[in-house]
Amino acid sequence: MPRWRLVIRHGPRVDQENFDDLDAAVVAMERRSEEIRSEGPLRKVSALRAYEPGQRVHARLELSTRGFGWGKEAGIDVMGDGALVPYVGVICKRRLEPARGQSEFDAIRGALA
């Protein structure tokens, strides 16, 4: 049974990929994030108030072990302006701050290792 599950929520689509190896899962997360970023920025939206592209989540990619609440989970939000926001946690998400010289994906790998 695969150890790691990558869930990609992008618009109305939800895709899943399974991996036996953490490094392979993080590489796939990075690849899928770059594919989403290559689509370009989101538009500004007005609904009761204006939402700039940087305030909108374009896609959420979550990497987890086992089931909800049982394992570890970390992920990354691809924002509408292309920014990447890494986090750790299932219910209470905490933003990860990559150390100097680290990428957002290195921070995720470290949080899950």
Protein backbone atom coordinates (compact mmCIF):
# COMPACT_ATOMS: atom_id res chain seq x y z
CA MET A 1 0.00 0.00 0.00
CA PRO A 2 1.43 3.44 -0.92
CA ARG A 3 2.69 5.48 2.00
CA TRP A 4 2.09 9.02 0.66
CA ARG A 5 -0.98 10.51 -0.99
CA LEU A 6 -0.89 13.75 -2.99
CA VAL A 7 -4.29 15.44 -3.42
CA ILE A 8 -4.53 18.27 -5.94
CA ARG A 9 -7.56 20.57 -5.69
CA HIS A 10 -7.56 22.79 -8.75
CA GLY A 11 -10.81 24.51 -9.57
CA PRO A 12 -13.60 21.94 -9.58
CA ARG A 13 -11.15 19.04 -10.16
CA VAL A 14 -9.70 16.85 -7.43
CA ASP A 15 -6.89 14.50 -8.46
CA GLN A 16 -4.94 12.02 -6.37
CA GLU A 17 -1.58 10.38 -6.81
CA ASN A 18 0.03 7.79 -4.52
CA PHE A 19 3.71 7.30 -3.78
CA ASP A 20 5.87 4.95 -1.76
CA ASP A 21 8.64 7.53 -1.37
CA LEU A 22 8.45 11.01 0.19
CA ASP A 23 11.00 12.50 -2.21
CA ALA A 24 9.05 11.28 -5.25
CA ALA A 25 5.85 12.71 -3.78
CA VAL A 26 7.44 16.13 -3.16
CA VAL A 27 8.91 16.18 -6.69
CA ALA A 28 5.44 15.44 -8.09
CA MET A 29 3.96 18.21 -5.92
CA GLU A 30 6.52 20.66 -7.26
CA ARG A 31 5.89 19.58 -10.86
CA ARG A 32 2.11 19.94 -10.53
CA SER A 33 2.51 23.34 -8.81
CA GLU A 34 4.61 24.59 -11.71
CA GLU A 35 2.01 23.33 -14.22
CA ILE A 36 -0.67 25.30 -12.39
CA ARG A 37 1.49 28.43 -12.14
CA SER A 38 2.17 28.24 -15.89
CA GLU A 39 -1.55 28.87 -16.51
CA GLY A 40 -0.92 32.48 -15.51
CA PRO A 41 -2.48 34.69 -12.87
CA LEU A 42 -6.12 34.68 -11.83
CA ARG A 43 -8.30 37.74 -12.41
CA LYS A 44 -9.43 40.15 -9.76
CA VAL A 45 -12.93 39.22 -8.57
CA SER A 46 -15.58 41.39 -6.94
CA ALA A 47 -18.22 39.82 -4.73
CA LEU A 48 -19.28 42.12 -1.90
CA ARG A 49 -15.64 43.19 -1.89
CA ALA A 50 -12.73 42.97 -4.30
CA TYR A 51 -10.34 40.01 -4.18
CA GLU A 52 -6.95 40.56 -5.77
CA PRO A 53 -5.21 37.59 -7.42
CA GLY A 54 -2.84 37.29 -4.45
CA GLN A 55 -5.83 36.83 -2.14
CA ARG A 56 -7.30 33.98 -4.17
CA VAL A 57 -6.15 30.36 -3.99
CA HIS A 58 -5.62 28.99 -7.49
CA ALA A 59 -4.95 25.43 -6.27
CA ARG A 60 -4.21 23.52 -3.07
CA LEU A 61 -1.86 20.56 -3.08
CA GLU A 62 -1.81 18.37 0.04
CA LEU A 63 0.60 15.59 0.86
CA SER A 64 -0.39 13.19 3.64
CA THR A 65 0.16 9.82 5.24
CA ARG A 66 -2.70 7.53 6.14
CA GLY A 67 -6.15 8.89 6.89
CA PHE A 68 -7.58 12.16 8.13
CA GLY A 69 -6.19 13.10 11.55
CA TRP A 70 -4.01 10.01 11.82
CA GLY A 71 -0.89 10.89 9.95
CA LYS A 72 1.18 13.84 8.91
CA GLU A 73 0.02 16.42 6.40
CA ALA A 74 1.65 19.36 4.72
CA GLY A 75 0.78 21.22 1.57
CA ILE A 76 1.11 24.26 -0.55
CA ASP A 77 -1.37 26.82 -1.78
CA VAL A 78 -0.72 28.18 -5.25
CA MET A 79 -2.08 31.70 -5.02
CA GLY A 80 -3.71 33.56 -7.89
CA ASP A 81 -0.62 35.73 -8.39
CA GLY A 82 1.67 32.67 -8.58
CA ALA A 83 2.97 32.91 -5.01
CA LEU A 84 3.50 29.64 -3.14
CA VAL A 85 2.37 29.37 0.48
CA PRO A 86 3.56 26.18 2.22
CA TYR A 87 1.85 24.94 5.39
CA VAL A 88 1.83 22.03 7.80
CA GLY A 89 -1.11 20.57 9.69
CA VAL A 90 -4.47 19.00 9.09
CA ILE A 91 -7.08 21.01 10.96
CA CYS A 92 -4.93 23.81 12.36
CA LYS A 93 -2.72 24.76 9.48
CA ARG A 94 0.53 26.58 10.28
CA ARG A 95 2.43 28.46 7.60
CA LEU A 96 5.93 27.12 6.96
CA GLU A 97 8.77 29.58 6.53
CA PRO A 98 11.59 28.04 4.46
CA ALA A 99 15.03 28.48 5.97
CA ARG A 100 17.61 30.52 4.08
CA GLY A 101 18.47 28.73 0.85
CA GLN A 102 15.48 26.39 1.08
CA SER A 103 12.58 26.24 -1.33
CA GLU A 104 8.99 25.92 -0.21
CA PHE A 105 9.18 22.25 -1.20
CA ASP A 106 12.30 21.70 0.93
CA ALA A 107 10.34 23.07 3.90
CA ILE A 108 7.49 20.64 3.20
CA ARG A 109 9.91 17.73 2.87
CA GLY A 110 11.52 18.68 6.19
CA ALA A 111 8.16 18.97 7.96
CA LEU A 112 7.13 15.50 6.81
CA ALA A 113 10.45 13.66 7.22
